[in-house]
Amino acid sequence: MCDDDCPQCGNRHISPYDSDERTEIIERRGATFVMLRSADTAENSPDYAEIAAFLTMEEAQAFVENADE
C-alpha cells in the first residue's frame, strides 16, 4: 500500500498502518460456499470472479490454502 489521502477526514499523504488481504474470499450462497478471487490488476476496486463452489466451509478453506502453495 502507498501513501494517500484519507477518504474520511481529508488528511493528505498519510501512510496506512493496517490492511486486510481480500484477494480471495469465501462467500456463502444458499447451501454452498463459493470461493471468489479478485485479479491483481483490480487494485482499489475488487473485481471478483467465481473460482469454485463447495458443500462445506472446510472444503472451501482447504482449496484456498492449497491454491496459495
Protein backbone atom coordinates (compact mmCIF):
# COMPACT_ATOMS: atom_id res chain seq x y z
CA MET A 1 0.00 0.00 0.00
CA CYS A 2 1.18 3.53 -0.63
CA ASP A 3 0.67 6.96 0.95
CA ASP A 4 -2.65 8.52 0.05
CA ASP A 5 -5.29 10.98 1.21
CA CYS A 6 -7.72 9.89 3.94
CA PRO A 7 -11.20 9.35 2.45
CA GLN A 8 -12.82 10.17 5.82
CA CYS A 9 -11.07 13.30 7.12
CA GLY A 10 -9.16 14.53 4.05
CA ASN A 11 -5.68 14.41 5.64
CA ARG A 12 -3.11 14.30 2.89
CA HIS A 13 -0.15 11.97 2.30
CA ILE A 14 -0.82 9.55 5.14
CA SER A 15 0.64 6.05 5.38
CA PRO A 16 -1.64 3.08 6.03
CA TYR A 17 -0.94 1.19 9.24
CA ASP A 18 -3.15 -1.85 8.63
CA SER A 19 -4.81 -3.72 5.79
CA ASP A 20 -6.88 -6.82 5.10
CA GLU A 21 -5.99 -9.40 2.47
CA ARG A 22 -9.11 -9.58 0.32
CA THR A 23 -7.76 -11.12 -2.89
CA GLU A 24 -9.54 -14.40 -2.15
CA ILE A 25 -12.78 -14.61 -0.19
CA ILE A 26 -15.32 -17.31 0.60
CA GLU A 27 -18.96 -16.35 0.41
CA ARG A 28 -21.97 -18.40 1.46
CA ARG A 29 -24.59 -18.72 -1.28
CA GLY A 30 -27.55 -20.78 -0.24
CA ALA A 31 -26.31 -24.25 0.67
CA THR A 32 -22.86 -23.79 -0.91
CA PHE A 33 -19.66 -21.88 -0.18
CA VAL A 34 -18.19 -20.05 -3.17
CA MET A 35 -14.53 -19.14 -3.48
CA LEU A 36 -14.04 -15.77 -5.19
CA ARG A 37 -10.77 -14.24 -6.39
CA SER A 38 -10.05 -10.68 -7.46
CA ALA A 39 -7.45 -10.07 -10.15
CA ASP A 40 -4.17 -8.39 -9.17
CA THR A 41 -4.99 -5.65 -11.67
CA ALA A 42 -8.14 -4.66 -9.73
CA GLU A 43 -6.12 -2.55 -7.24
CA ASN A 44 -8.58 -0.50 -5.11
CA SER A 45 -11.79 -1.80 -6.71
CA PRO A 46 -12.13 -5.58 -6.34
CA ASP A 47 -13.27 -7.44 -9.43
CA TYR A 48 -14.23 -10.85 -8.03
CA ALA A 49 -14.67 -13.89 -10.23
CA GLU A 50 -16.14 -17.18 -9.03
CA ILE A 51 -13.43 -19.83 -8.93
CA ALA A 52 -15.15 -22.84 -7.33
CA ALA A 53 -18.11 -23.89 -5.17
CA PHE A 54 -18.06 -26.30 -2.22
CA LEU A 55 -20.54 -28.02 0.05
CA THR A 56 -18.71 -27.06 3.26
CA MET A 57 -16.68 -24.13 4.52
CA GLU A 58 -13.86 -26.52 5.41
CA GLU A 59 -13.58 -27.70 1.78
CA ALA A 60 -13.50 -24.11 0.56
CA GLN A 61 -10.83 -23.10 3.09
CA ALA A 62 -8.69 -26.13 2.17
CA PHE A 63 -8.96 -25.17 -1.50
CA VAL A 64 -7.79 -21.60 -0.76
CA GLU A 65 -4.89 -22.85 1.38
CA ASN A 66 -3.75 -25.31 -1.32
CA ALA A 67 -4.10 -22.70 -4.07
CA ASP A 68 -1.56 -20.50 -2.26
CA GLU A 69 1.14 -23.19 -2.39
